[in-house]
C-alpha atoms as a PDB file:
ATOM      1  CA  MET A   1      -9.087 -20.400 -10.310  1.00  0.00           C
ATOM      2  CA  THR A   2      -9.597 -16.654  -9.389  1.00  0.00           C
ATOM      3  CA  LEU A   3      -7.171 -14.481  -8.383  1.00  0.00           C
ATOM      4  CA  VAL A   4      -8.000 -11.687  -5.544  1.00  0.00           C
ATOM      5  CA  PHE A   5      -5.882  -8.945  -4.266  1.00  0.00           C
ATOM      6  CA  MET A   6      -6.200  -8.096  -0.845  1.00  0.00           C
ATOM      7  CA  PHE A   7      -4.698  -4.519   0.157  1.00  0.00           C
ATOM      8  CA  PRO A   8      -4.141  -4.132   3.793  1.00  0.00           C
ATOM      9  CA  GLY A   9      -4.760  -1.013   5.923  1.00  0.00           C
ATOM     10  CA  GLN A  10      -2.684   1.596   7.877  1.00  0.00           C
ATOM     11  CA  ASN A  11      -1.442  -0.637  10.643  1.00  0.00           C
ATOM     12  CA  SER A  12       0.396  -2.664   8.356  1.00  0.00           C
ATOM     13  CA  ARG A  13       3.756  -0.686   8.093  1.00  0.00           C
ATOM     14  CA  TYR A  14       7.265  -0.921   9.764  1.00  0.00           C
ATOM     15  CA  PRO A  15      10.584   1.738   9.411  1.00  0.00           C
ATOM     16  CA  GLY A  16      12.321   1.409   6.165  1.00  0.00           C
ATOM     17  CA  MET A  17       9.555   0.251   4.198  1.00  0.00           C
ATOM     18  CA  LEU A  18       9.658   2.334   1.331  1.00  0.00           C
ATOM     19  CA  GLU A  19      13.333   2.263   1.481  1.00  0.00           C
ATOM     20  CA  LYS A  20      13.237  -1.484   0.698  1.00  0.00           C
ATOM     21  CA  LEU A  21      10.554  -1.225  -1.731  1.00  0.00           C
ATOM     22  CA  THR A  22      12.403   1.136  -4.117  1.00  0.00           C
ATOM     23  CA  GLY A  23      15.389  -1.248  -4.277  1.00  0.00           C
ATOM     24  CA  LEU A  24      13.162  -3.972  -4.873  1.00  0.00           C
ATOM     25  CA  HIS A  25      12.039  -2.742  -8.359  1.00  0.00           C
ATOM     26  CA  ARG A  26      12.788   0.038 -10.618  1.00  0.00           C
ATOM     27  CA  VAL A  27       9.120   0.891 -11.244  1.00  0.00           C
ATOM     28  CA  ASN A  28       8.952   1.465  -7.586  1.00  0.00           C
ATOM     29  CA  ARG A  29      11.494   4.538  -7.793  1.00  0.00           C
ATOM     30  CA  HIS A  30       9.474   5.705 -10.487  1.00  0.00           C
ATOM     31  CA  VAL A  31       6.306   5.738  -8.411  1.00  0.00           C
ATOM     32  CA  LEU A  32       8.057   7.267  -5.257  1.00  0.00           C
ATOM     33  CA  ASP A  33       9.589  10.141  -7.514  1.00  0.00           C
ATOM     34  CA  TRP A  34       5.794  10.994  -8.959  1.00  0.00           C
ATOM     35  CA  ALA A  35       4.243  10.362  -5.412  1.00  0.00           C
ATOM     36  CA  SER A  36       6.935  13.461  -4.422  1.00  0.00           C
ATOM     37  CA  HIS A  37       5.959  15.400  -7.292  1.00  0.00           C
ATOM     38  CA  ILE A  38       2.453  14.811  -6.649  1.00  0.00           C
ATOM     39  CA  LEU A  39       2.456  16.313  -2.867  1.00  0.00           C
ATOM     40  CA  ASN A  40       5.195  18.410  -3.256  1.00  0.00           C
ATOM     41  CA  ARG A  41       7.175  16.816  -0.555  1.00  0.00           C
ATOM     42  CA  ASN A  42      10.430  14.763  -0.752  1.00  0.00           C
ATOM     43  CA  LEU A  43       9.201  11.397   0.121  1.00  0.00           C
ATOM     44  CA  TYR A  44      12.355  10.036   0.350  1.00  0.00           C
ATOM     45  CA  GLU A  45      13.700  12.363   3.193  1.00  0.00           C
ATOM     46  CA  GLN A  46      10.398  11.573   5.110  1.00  0.00           C
ATOM     47  CA  TYR A  47      10.484   7.881   5.045  1.00  0.00           C
ATOM     48  CA  ARG A  48      14.262   7.106   5.401  1.00  0.00           C
ATOM     49  CA  VAL A  49      14.593   4.499   7.995  1.00  0.00           C
ATOM     50  CA  ASP A  50      16.564   6.770  10.317  1.00  0.00           C
ATOM     51  CA  ASN A  51      13.843   9.241  10.499  1.00  0.00           C
ATOM     52  CA  PRO A  52      11.870   8.741  13.845  1.00  0.00           C
ATOM     53  CA  ASP A  53       9.152  11.133  12.612  1.00  0.00           C
ATOM     54  CA  ALA A  54       8.664   9.085   9.614  1.00  0.00           C
ATOM     55  CA  TYR A  55       5.346   8.274  10.925  1.00  0.00           C
ATOM     56  CA  ALA A  56       4.816  10.846  13.802  1.00  0.00           C
ATOM     57  CA  THR A  57       1.406  11.849  11.569  1.00  0.00           C
ATOM     58  CA  ASN A  58      -1.676  10.004  10.286  1.00  0.00           C
ATOM     59  CA  ARG A  59      -1.259  11.761   7.399  1.00  0.00           C
ATOM     60  CA  ASP A  60       2.463  10.084   6.836  1.00  0.00           C
ATOM     61  CA  VAL A  61       0.989   6.909   7.798  1.00  0.00           C
ATOM     62  CA  GLN A  62      -1.536   6.738   5.313  1.00  0.00           C
ATOM     63  CA  VAL A  63       0.383   8.065   2.559  1.00  0.00           C
ATOM     64  CA  SER A  64       2.880   5.594   3.252  1.00  0.00           C
ATOM     65  CA  VAL A  65       1.166   2.672   3.378  1.00  0.00           C
ATOM     66  CA  PHE A  66      -1.079   3.205   0.194  1.00  0.00           C
ATOM     67  CA  LEU A  67       2.581   3.787  -1.604  1.00  0.00           C
ATOM     68  CA  ALA A  68       3.638   0.786  -0.349  1.00  0.00           C
ATOM     69  CA  ASN A  69       0.784  -1.315  -1.688  1.00  0.00           C
ATOM     70  CA  HIS A  70       0.720   0.313  -4.681  1.00  0.00           C
ATOM     71  CA  MET A  71       4.516  -0.209  -5.552  1.00  0.00           C
ATOM     72  CA  PHE A  72       3.820  -4.361  -4.830  1.00  0.00           C
ATOM     73  CA  LEU A  73       0.990  -4.009  -7.139  1.00  0.00           C
ATOM     74  CA  GLN A  74       3.142  -2.416  -9.470  1.00  0.00           C
ATOM     75  CA  VAL A  75       5.906  -5.435  -9.314  1.00  0.00           C
ATOM     76  CA  LEU A  76       2.921  -7.563  -9.837  1.00  0.00           C
ATOM     77  CA  GLU A  77       1.241  -6.100 -12.579  1.00  0.00           C
ATOM     78  CA  ALA A  78       4.811  -5.350 -14.428  1.00  0.00           C
ATOM     79  CA  SER A  79       5.601  -9.397 -13.931  1.00  0.00           C
ATOM     80  CA  GLY A  80       2.182 -10.595 -15.734  1.00  0.00           C
ATOM     81  CA  VAL A  81       0.260 -11.039 -12.518  1.00  0.00           C
ATOM     82  CA  ASN A  82      -3.220  -9.748 -12.928  1.00  0.00           C
ATOM     83  CA  ALA A  83      -6.495 -10.152 -10.944  1.00  0.00           C
ATOM     84  CA  ALA A  84      -9.545 -10.163 -11.824  1.00  0.00           C
ATOM     85  CA  LEU A  85     -10.955  -9.208  -8.029  1.00  0.00           C
ATOM     86  CA  SER A  86      -9.842  -6.814  -5.547  1.00  0.00           C
ATOM     87  CA  LEU A  87     -10.801  -5.013  -2.264  1.00  0.00           C
ATOM     88  CA  GLY A  88      -9.051  -3.303   0.576  1.00  0.00           C
ATOM     89  CA  LEU A  89      -9.327  -3.163   4.664  1.00  0.00           C
ATOM     90  CA  SER A  90      -9.836   0.485   5.312  1.00  0.00           C
ATOM     91  CA  LEU A  91      -7.135   2.426   3.907  1.00  0.00           C
ATOM     92  CA  GLY A  92      -6.645  -0.129   1.721  1.00  0.00           C
ATOM     93  CA  GLU A  93      -9.726   0.516  -0.205  1.00  0.00           C
ATOM     94  CA  TRP A  94      -7.839   3.489  -1.935  1.00  0.00           C
ATOM     95  CA  ASN A  95      -5.645   0.695  -3.211  1.00  0.00           C
ATOM     96  CA  HIS A  96      -8.891  -1.487  -4.454  1.00  0.00           C
ATOM     97  CA  LEU A  97     -10.391   1.658  -5.969  1.00  0.00           C
ATOM     98  CA  VAL A  98      -7.348   2.961  -7.904  1.00  0.00           C
ATOM     99  CA  HIS A  99      -7.005  -1.152  -8.834  1.00  0.00           C
ATOM    100  CA  ILE A 100     -10.603  -1.215 -10.648  1.00  0.00           C
ATOM    101  CA  ARG A 101      -9.833   1.953 -12.337  1.00  0.00           C
ATOM    102  CA  ALA A 102     -12.377   4.087 -10.080  1.00  0.00           C
ATOM    103  CA  LEU A 103      -9.456   6.572  -9.397  1.00  0.00           C
ATOM    104  CA  THR A 104      -6.356   7.550 -10.818  1.00  0.00           C
ATOM    105  CA  PHE A 105      -3.403   7.119  -8.733  1.00  0.00           C
ATOM    106  CA  GLU A 106      -2.772  10.501  -8.806  1.00  0.00           C
ATOM    107  CA  ASP A 107      -6.376  11.341  -7.262  1.00  0.00           C
ATOM    108  CA  ALA A 108      -6.136   8.777  -5.058  1.00  0.00           C
ATOM    109  CA  LEU A 109      -3.020   9.797  -3.621  1.00  0.00           C
ATOM    110  CA  ARG A 110      -3.732  13.439  -2.820  1.00  0.00           C
ATOM    111  CA  ALA A 111      -7.280  11.907  -1.246  1.00  0.00           C
ATOM    112  CA  VAL A 112      -5.457   9.510   0.781  1.00  0.00           C
ATOM    113  CA  GLU A 113      -2.923  12.412   2.076  1.00  0.00           C
ATOM    114  CA  GLN A 114      -6.315  14.921   2.527  1.00  0.00           C
ATOM    115  CA  ARG A 115      -8.094  11.820   4.534  1.00  0.00           C
ATOM    116  CA  GLY A 116      -4.954  11.897   6.907  1.00  0.00           C
ATOM    117  CA  MET A 117      -4.821  15.078   7.413  1.00  0.00           C
ATOM    118  CA  LEU A 118      -8.808  15.182   8.564  1.00  0.00           C
ATOM    119  CA  TYR A 119      -7.774  12.234  10.707  1.00  0.00           C
ATOM    120  CA  ASP A 120      -4.979  14.146  12.486  1.00  0.00           C
ATOM    121  CA  GLN A 121      -7.348  16.841  13.186  1.00  0.00           C
ATOM    122  CA  GLY A 122     -10.234  14.385  14.364  1.00  0.00           C
ATOM    123  CA  PRO A 123     -10.949  13.698  17.758  1.00  0.00           C
ATOM    124  CA  ARG A 124      -8.691  11.847  20.282  1.00  0.00           C
ATOM    125  CA  GLY A 125      -9.665   8.243  21.667  1.00  0.00           C
ATOM    126  CA  CYS A 126      -8.017   4.884  21.029  1.00  0.00           C
ATOM    127  CA  MET A 127      -8.828   1.437  18.614  1.00  0.00           C
ATOM    128  CA  ALA A 128      -7.680  -2.349  19.997  1.00  0.00           C
ATOM    129  CA  SER A 129      -7.949  -5.462  18.199  1.00  0.00           C
ATOM    130  CA  VAL A 130      -9.569  -7.998  20.369  1.00  0.00           C
ATOM    131  CA  PHE A 131      -9.551 -11.988  19.666  1.00  0.00           C
ATOM    132  CA  PRO A 132     -10.663 -14.659  20.305  1.00  0.00           C
ATOM    133  CA  ILE A 133     -14.595 -13.818  20.817  1.00  0.00           C
ATOM    134  CA  GLU A 134     -18.134 -14.122  19.599  1.00  0.00           C
ATOM    135  CA  LEU A 135     -19.514 -10.815  18.461  1.00  0.00           C
ATOM    136  CA  GLU A 136     -22.751 -11.278  20.498  1.00  0.00           C
ATOM    137  CA  GLU A 137     -20.362 -11.590  23.564  1.00  0.00           C
ATOM    138  CA  LEU A 138     -18.742  -8.708  22.211  1.00  0.00           C
ATOM    139  CA  ASP A 139     -21.499  -6.850  21.889  1.00  0.00           C
ATOM    140  CA  ASP A 140     -22.621  -7.195  25.509  1.00  0.00           C
ATOM    141  CA  VAL A 141     -19.295  -6.515  26.920  1.00  0.00           C
ATOM    142  CA  VAL A 142     -19.284  -2.744  25.138  1.00  0.00           C
ATOM    143  CA  ALA A 143     -23.032  -2.155  26.297  1.00  0.00           C
ATOM    144  CA  ARG A 144     -21.562  -2.237  29.687  1.00  0.00           C
ATOM    145  CA  ALA A 145     -18.209  -0.558  29.347  1.00  0.00           C
ATOM    146  CA  ARG A 146     -20.044   2.392  28.180  1.00  0.00           C
ATOM    147  CA  SER A 147     -20.615   3.467  31.358  1.00  0.00           C
ATOM    148  CA  ALA A 148     -17.243   4.502  31.392  1.00  0.00           C
ATOM    149  CA  GLY A 149     -17.782   6.377  27.934  1.00  0.00           C
ATOM    150  CA  LEU A 150     -18.439   5.873  24.499  1.00  0.00           C
ATOM    151  CA  VAL A 151     -16.997   2.869  22.580  1.00  0.00           C
ATOM    152  CA  GLU A 152     -18.323   0.665  19.110  1.00  0.00           C
ATOM    153  CA  VAL A 153     -17.447  -2.270  17.812  1.00  0.00           C
ATOM    154  CA  VAL A 154     -16.225  -0.753  14.551  1.00  0.00           C
ATOM    155  CA  ASN A 155     -14.088  -3.607  12.898  1.00  0.00           C
ATOM    156  CA  LEU A 156     -15.700  -7.039  11.781  1.00  0.00           C
ATOM    157  CA  ASN A 157     -12.740  -8.727  10.524  1.00  0.00           C
ATOM    158  CA  THR A 158     -13.429 -12.533  10.853  1.00  0.00           C
ATOM    159  CA  PRO A 159     -15.509 -15.088  12.899  1.00  0.00           C
ATOM    160  CA  ARG A 160     -13.788 -14.197  16.097  1.00  0.00           C
ATOM    161  CA  GLN A 161     -11.502 -11.433  15.667  1.00  0.00           C
ATOM    162  CA  TYR A 162     -13.123  -7.474  15.912  1.00  0.00           C
ATOM    163  CA  VAL A 163     -11.597  -3.970  16.311  1.00  0.00           C
ATOM    164  CA  ILE A 164     -13.443  -1.773  19.400  1.00  0.00           C
ATOM    165  CA  ALA A 165     -12.830   2.019  19.299  1.00  0.00           C
ATOM    166  CA  GLY A 166     -13.585   4.842  21.114  1.00  0.00           C
ATOM    167  CA  GLU A 167     -12.953   7.161  24.409  1.00  0.00           C
ATOM    168  CA  HIS A 168     -10.123   5.774  26.517  1.00  0.00           C
ATOM    169  CA  ASP A 169     -11.551   5.103  29.628  1.00  0.00           C
ATOM    170  CA  ALA A 170     -14.604   3.123  27.718  1.00  0.00           C
ATOM    171  CA  VAL A 171     -12.199   1.142  25.629  1.00  0.00           C
ATOM    172  CA  LYS A 172      -9.917   0.466  29.001  1.00  0.00           C
ATOM    173  CA  GLU A 173     -12.937  -0.860  30.462  1.00  0.00           C
ATOM    174  CA  ALA A 174     -14.174  -2.789  27.729  1.00  0.00           C
ATOM    175  CA  LEU A 175     -10.767  -4.329  27.640  1.00  0.00           C
ATOM    176  CA  ARG A 176     -11.004  -5.028  31.329  1.00  0.00           C
ATOM    177  CA  LEU A 177     -14.226  -6.853  30.958  1.00  0.00           C
ATOM    178  CA  LEU A 178     -13.154  -8.767  28.115  1.00  0.00           C
ATOM    179  CA  GLU A 179      -9.794 -10.268  30.010  1.00  0.00           C
ATOM    180  CA  ALA A 180     -11.634 -10.697  33.317  1.00  0.00           C
ATOM    181  CA  GLU A 181     -14.789 -12.670  31.748  1.00  0.00           C
ATOM    182  CA  TYR A 182     -13.501 -13.925  28.438  1.00  0.00           C
ATOM    183  CA  PHE A 183      -9.770 -14.641  28.728  1.00  0.00           C
ATOM    184  CA  ALA A 184      -9.834 -12.515  25.107  1.00  0.00           C
ATOM    185  CA  GLN A 185      -6.507 -11.022  23.921  1.00  0.00           C
ATOM    186  CA  ALA A 186      -6.562  -7.163  22.955  1.00  0.00           C
ATOM    187  CA  VAL A 187      -3.839  -5.306  21.142  1.00  0.00           C
ATOM    188  CA  MET A 188      -4.105  -1.727  21.267  1.00  0.00           C
ATOM    189  CA  ILE A 189      -3.748  -0.581  17.466  1.00  0.00           C
ATOM    190  CA  ASP A 190      -4.175   3.187  17.906  1.00  0.00           C
ATOM    191  CA  HIS A 191      -3.382   4.938  21.100  1.00  0.00           C
ATOM    192  CA  GLN A 192      -4.849   8.604  19.423  1.00  0.00           C
ATOM    193  CA  LEU A 193      -7.614   7.807  16.901  1.00  0.00           C
ATOM    194  CA  PRO A 194     -10.983   6.231  17.223  1.00  0.00           C
ATOM    195  CA  MET A 195     -11.603   5.283  13.453  1.00  0.00           C
ATOM    196  CA  HIS A 196     -14.715   4.055  12.332  1.00  0.00           C
ATOM    197  CA  SER A 197     -16.683   5.189  15.133  1.00  0.00           C
ATOM    198  CA  SER A 198     -19.337   7.876  15.477  1.00  0.00           C
ATOM    199  CA  MET A 199     -17.008  10.065  17.140  1.00  0.00           C
ATOM    200  CA  PHE A 200     -15.279  10.831  13.959  1.00  0.00           C
ATOM    201  CA  GLU A 201     -18.496  11.970  12.408  1.00  0.00           C
ATOM    202  CA  PRO A 202     -16.930  15.830  11.970  1.00  0.00           C
ATOM    203  CA  VAL A 203     -14.115  14.127  10.154  1.00  0.00           C
ATOM    204  CA  CYS A 204     -16.515  12.189   7.970  1.00  0.00           C
ATOM    205  CA  ARG A 205     -18.540  15.280   6.858  1.00  0.00           C
ATOM    206  CA  ALA A 206     -15.519  17.245   6.317  1.00  0.00           C
ATOM    207  CA  PHE A 207     -13.609  14.700   3.844  1.00  0.00           C
ATOM    208  CA  ARG A 208     -16.847  14.460   2.205  1.00  0.00           C
ATOM    209  CA  GLY A 209     -16.458  17.878   1.015  1.00  0.00           C
ATOM    210  CA  TYR A 210     -13.438  16.656  -0.269  1.00  0.00           C
ATOM    211  CA  LEU A 211     -14.693  13.639  -2.219  1.00  0.00           C
ATOM    212  CA  GLU A 212     -17.451  16.111  -4.127  1.00  0.00           C
ATOM    213  CA  GLY A 213     -14.610  17.522  -5.524  1.00  0.00           C
ATOM    214  CA  LEU A 214     -13.227  13.794  -7.109  1.00  0.00           C
ATOM    215  CA  GLU A 215     -13.687  12.443 -10.688  1.00  0.00           C
ATOM    216  CA  PHE A 216     -14.621   8.738 -10.034  1.00  0.00           C
ATOM    217  CA  ARG A 217     -14.992   6.628 -13.179  1.00  0.00           C
ATOM    218  CA  ARG A 218     -17.193   3.932 -13.897  1.00  0.00           C
ATOM    219  CA  PRO A 219     -14.450   0.693 -12.461  1.00  0.00           C
ATOM    220  CA  GLY A 220     -13.336  -1.616 -14.761  1.00  0.00           C
ATOM    221  CA  ARG A 221     -13.657  -4.657 -11.829  1.00  0.00           C
ATOM    222  CA  PRO A 222     -16.512  -4.644  -9.173  1.00  0.00           C
ATOM    223  CA  TYR A 223     -16.479  -2.565  -6.324  1.00  0.00           C
ATOM    224  CA  VAL A 224     -16.147  -3.925  -2.918  1.00  0.00           C
ATOM    225  CA  PRO A 225     -16.663  -1.340  -0.234  1.00  0.00           C
ATOM    226  CA  ASN A 226     -16.013  -1.670   3.560  1.00  0.00           C
ATOM    227  CA  ARG A 227     -19.365  -0.188   4.430  1.00  0.00           C
ATOM    228  CA  LEU A 228     -21.542  -2.844   2.414  1.00  0.00           C
ATOM    229  CA  GLY A 229     -19.131  -6.521   2.153  1.00  0.00           C
ATOM    230  CA  GLU A 230     -21.092  -6.625  -1.007  1.00  0.00           C
ATOM    231  CA  LEU A 231     -19.926  -6.393  -4.559  1.00  0.00           C
ATOM    232  CA  ILE A 232     -21.312  -3.479  -6.869  1.00  0.00           C
ATOM    233  CA  ASN A 233     -20.814  -3.860 -10.507  1.00  0.00           C
ATOM    234  CA  ASP A 234     -21.965  -0.852 -11.729  1.00  0.00           C
ATOM    235  CA  PRO A 235     -21.420   2.358  -8.997  1.00  0.00           C
ATOM    236  CA  ASP A 236     -22.309   5.360 -10.120  1.00  0.00           C
ATOM    237  CA  ARG A 237     -20.449   8.666  -8.376  1.00  0.00           C
ATOM    238  CA  GLU A 238     -22.952   9.282  -5.713  1.00  0.00           C
ATOM    239  CA  THR A 239     -22.278   5.703  -4.214  1.00  0.00           C
ATOM    240  CA  PHE A 240     -18.640   6.181  -4.198  1.00  0.00           C
ATOM    241  CA  ILE A 241     -18.782   9.705  -2.336  1.00  0.00           C
ATOM    242  CA  GLU A 242     -21.495   8.103   0.310  1.00  0.00           C
ATOM    243  CA  LEU A 243     -19.657   5.173   1.011  1.00  0.00           C
ATOM    244  CA  LEU A 244     -16.020   6.422   1.174  1.00  0.00           C
ATOM    245  CA  SER A 245     -17.269   9.652   3.320  1.00  0.00           C
ATOM    246  CA  THR A 246     -19.422   7.155   5.633  1.00  0.00           C
ATOM    247  CA  HIS A 247     -16.715   4.626   5.906  1.00  0.00           C
ATOM    248  CA  VAL A 248     -14.673   7.143   7.612  1.00  0.00           C
ATOM    249  CA  CYS A 249     -17.231   6.859  11.118  1.00  0.00           C
ATOM    250  CA  ASN A 250     -19.127   3.476  10.402  1.00  0.00           C
ATOM    251  CA  ARG A 251     -18.712  -0.186  10.703  1.00  0.00           C
ATOM    252  CA  THR A 252     -16.462  -1.976   8.371  1.00  0.00           C
ATOM    253  CA  PHE A 253     -17.810  -5.406   7.187  1.00  0.00           C
ATOM    254  CA  TRP A 254     -14.043  -6.973   6.172  1.00  0.00           C
ATOM    255  CA  ARG A 255     -15.564 -10.327   7.429  1.00  0.00           C
ATOM    256  CA  LYS A 256     -18.673  -9.961   4.973  1.00  0.00           C
ATOM    257  CA  SER A 257     -16.565  -9.068   1.797  1.00  0.00           C
ATOM    258  CA  ILE A 258     -14.388 -12.378   2.033  1.00  0.00           C
ATOM    259  CA  ASP A 259     -17.494 -14.566   2.359  1.00  0.00           C
ATOM    260  CA  ARG A 260     -19.447 -12.696   0.034  1.00  0.00           C
ATOM    261  CA  ILE A 261     -16.371 -13.013  -2.717  1.00  0.00           C
ATOM    262  CA  ALA A 262     -15.892 -16.851  -1.992  1.00  0.00           C
ATOM    263  CA  GLU A 263     -19.348 -17.457  -2.213  1.00  0.00           C
ATOM    264  CA  LEU A 264     -19.375 -16.122  -5.399  1.00  0.00           C
ATOM    265  CA  HIS A 265     -15.617 -17.907  -6.508  1.00  0.00           C
ATOM    266  CA  PRO A 266     -15.571 -20.963  -4.481  1.00  0.00           C
ATOM    267  CA  ASP A 267     -12.170 -21.191  -6.526  1.00  0.00           C
ATOM    268  CA  ALA A 268     -10.615 -17.543  -5.123  1.00  0.00           C
ATOM    269  CA  PHE A 269      -6.976 -17.536  -4.296  1.00  0.00           C
ATOM    270  CA  PHE A 270      -6.730 -14.169  -2.081  1.00  0.00           C
ATOM    271  CA  LEU A 271      -3.233 -12.344  -2.306  1.00  0.00           C
ATOM    272  CA  GLU A 272      -2.058  -9.997   0.306  1.00  0.00           C
ATOM    273  CA  VAL A 273      -0.530  -6.598  -1.795  1.00  0.00           C
ATOM    274  CA  GLY A 274       1.325  -5.024   0.720  1.00  0.00           C
ATOM    275  CA  PRO A 275       3.675  -4.751   3.427  1.00  0.00           C
ATOM    276  CA  LYS A 276       3.632  -7.225   6.231  1.00  0.00           C
ATOM    277  CA  LYS A 277       0.992 -10.360   6.459  1.00  0.00           C
ATOM    278  CA  VAL A 278      -1.907  -8.921   8.009  1.00  0.00           C
ATOM    279  CA  LEU A 279      -4.617 -10.092   5.990  1.00  0.00           C
ATOM    280  CA  HIS A 280      -3.165 -13.324   5.080  1.00  0.00           C
ATOM    281  CA  ASN A 281      -2.990 -14.310   8.715  1.00  0.00           C
ATOM    282  CA  MET A 282      -6.905 -13.443   9.404  1.00  0.00           C
ATOM    283  CA  LEU A 283      -7.766 -15.801   6.789  1.00  0.00           C
ATOM    284  CA  ASP A 284      -7.308 -18.862   8.859  1.00  0.00           C
ATOM    285  CA  ARG A 285      -8.348 -22.218   7.505  1.00  0.00           C
ATOM    286  CA  LYS A 286     -11.274 -22.461  10.527  1.00  0.00           C
ATOM    287  CA  TRP A 287     -12.740 -19.598   8.450  1.00  0.00           C
ATOM    288  CA  ARG A 288     -12.006 -19.674   4.812  1.00  0.00           C
ATOM    289  CA  ARG A 289     -10.002 -22.806   3.070  1.00  0.00           C
ATOM    290  CA  ASN A 290      -9.028 -20.832  -0.114  1.00  0.00           C
ATOM    291  CA  GLU A 291      -5.743 -20.441  -0.845  1.00  0.00           C
ATOM    292  CA  LYS A 292      -3.851 -17.807  -0.036  1.00  0.00           C
ATOM    293  CA  LEU A 293      -0.208 -15.907  -0.164  1.00  0.00           C
ATOM    294  CA  PHE A 294       1.385 -12.585   0.802  1.00  0.00           C
ATOM    295  CA  VAL A 295       4.152 -10.940  -1.320  1.00  0.00           C
ATOM    296  CA  ASP A 296       6.302  -9.380   1.635  1.00  0.00           C
ATOM    297  CA  SER A 297       8.872 -11.411   3.537  1.00  0.00           C
ATOM    298  CA  GLY A 298      10.651  -8.811   5.559  1.00  0.00           C
ATOM    299  CA  ASP A 299      14.100 -10.122   5.362  1.00  0.00           C
ATOM    300  CA  VAL A 300      14.906 -11.612   1.735  1.00  0.00           C
ATOM    301  CA  PRO A 301      12.318  -9.573  -0.420  1.00  0.00           C
ATOM    302  CA  LEU A 302      13.585 -10.191  -3.721  1.00  0.00           C
ATOM    303  CA  GLU A 303      13.680 -13.848  -3.145  1.00  0.00           C
ATOM    304  CA  HIS A 304      10.537 -14.626  -1.743  1.00  0.00           C
ATOM    305  CA  LEU A 305       8.543 -12.427  -4.075  1.00  0.00           C
ATOM    306  CA  SER A 306      10.367 -13.695  -7.206  1.00  0.00           C
ATOM    307  CA  THR A 307       9.002 -17.395  -5.765  1.00  0.00           C
ATOM    308  CA  VAL A 308       5.410 -16.118  -5.310  1.00  0.00           C
ATOM    309  CA  ILE A 309       5.603 -14.753  -8.982  1.00  0.00           C
ATOM    310  CA  GLU A 310       6.774 -17.713 -10.195  1.00  0.00           C
ATOM    311  CA  SER A 311       3.848 -20.019  -8.182  1.00  0.00           C
ATOM    312  CA  LEU A 312       0.895 -17.399  -9.252  1.00  0.00           C
ATOM    313  CA  ARG A 313       2.309 -17.834 -12.919  1.00  0.00           C
ATOM    314  CA  LEU A 314       1.528 -21.567 -12.920  1.00  0.00           C
ATOM    315  CA  HIS A 315      -2.131 -21.232 -11.815  1.00  0.00           C
ATOM    316  CA  ALA A 316      -4.804 -20.643 -14.362  1.00  0.00           C
ATOM    317  CA  PHE A 317      -6.305 -17.206 -13.218  1.00  0.00           C
ATOM    318  CA  ARG A 318      -9.516 -15.795 -14.948  1.00  0.00           C
ATOM    319  CA  THR A 319      -8.454 -12.184 -15.188  1.00  0.00           C
ATOM    320  CA  ASN A 320     -11.808 -11.254 -16.361  1.00  0.00           C
END
């Protein structure tokens, strides 16, 4: 079997997440100590469970989820669990870059903080997850909702689950039409930022300038960018800069990414490496019948993670 790590995006978070993880394994305390030093901030204080402003800015949201994903990765690898492949949804792509060794942890962390700061300065709007619906039906609804302003389909996550983003009035009009005509369910996932939409073009341009200063390396594993949903075996520096910058203001193709990995590796075993189990739940058996697990159980993290690690050790994984 081929183990594939899936790193979730910024909506996979909850209060006290990092506090819990630093108590899960000694390596995680080192991660948070080092991250505090790199960013010159007391991240223990920032992410205390009783801090009402822990996630007040997008910068803090992105940094926290990136660190949580990385902590789970460190615990798995310290326990001898390694993956041949990985991919990440939106923010999770930065954990993917670290895993494939295209960037150092330090450079990726600084980039994630800069990304979040630029998002905080970006145009206002909103995002909503919509399901179940076919893409052709959703495209029609979105086209009609544009009478109220800009709205776009920005994340193609599963065969029946998508994310739309844009101006508040236009997104609300799309949700009204979806409920009235298709009885589709909608969950508002961000009330302020129209991420991955063309409204974020100024953020895309600003972030590209930052990316130009990063030292990208030849990765040791395939790169699976959100922008393409394809495996790239030997990306160069220009490819990373182009795909990571345009990622900010263009569609992401999570479904296509998963499908491509499963086509190349029919025995793929998908493991969500991060808080909650959003990606694990997306991967329902009506879509893909591959085996899957998640690492974060919430209430009994150590017991659950130990069981997951033991289960993974029983499988014969190809790691290169």
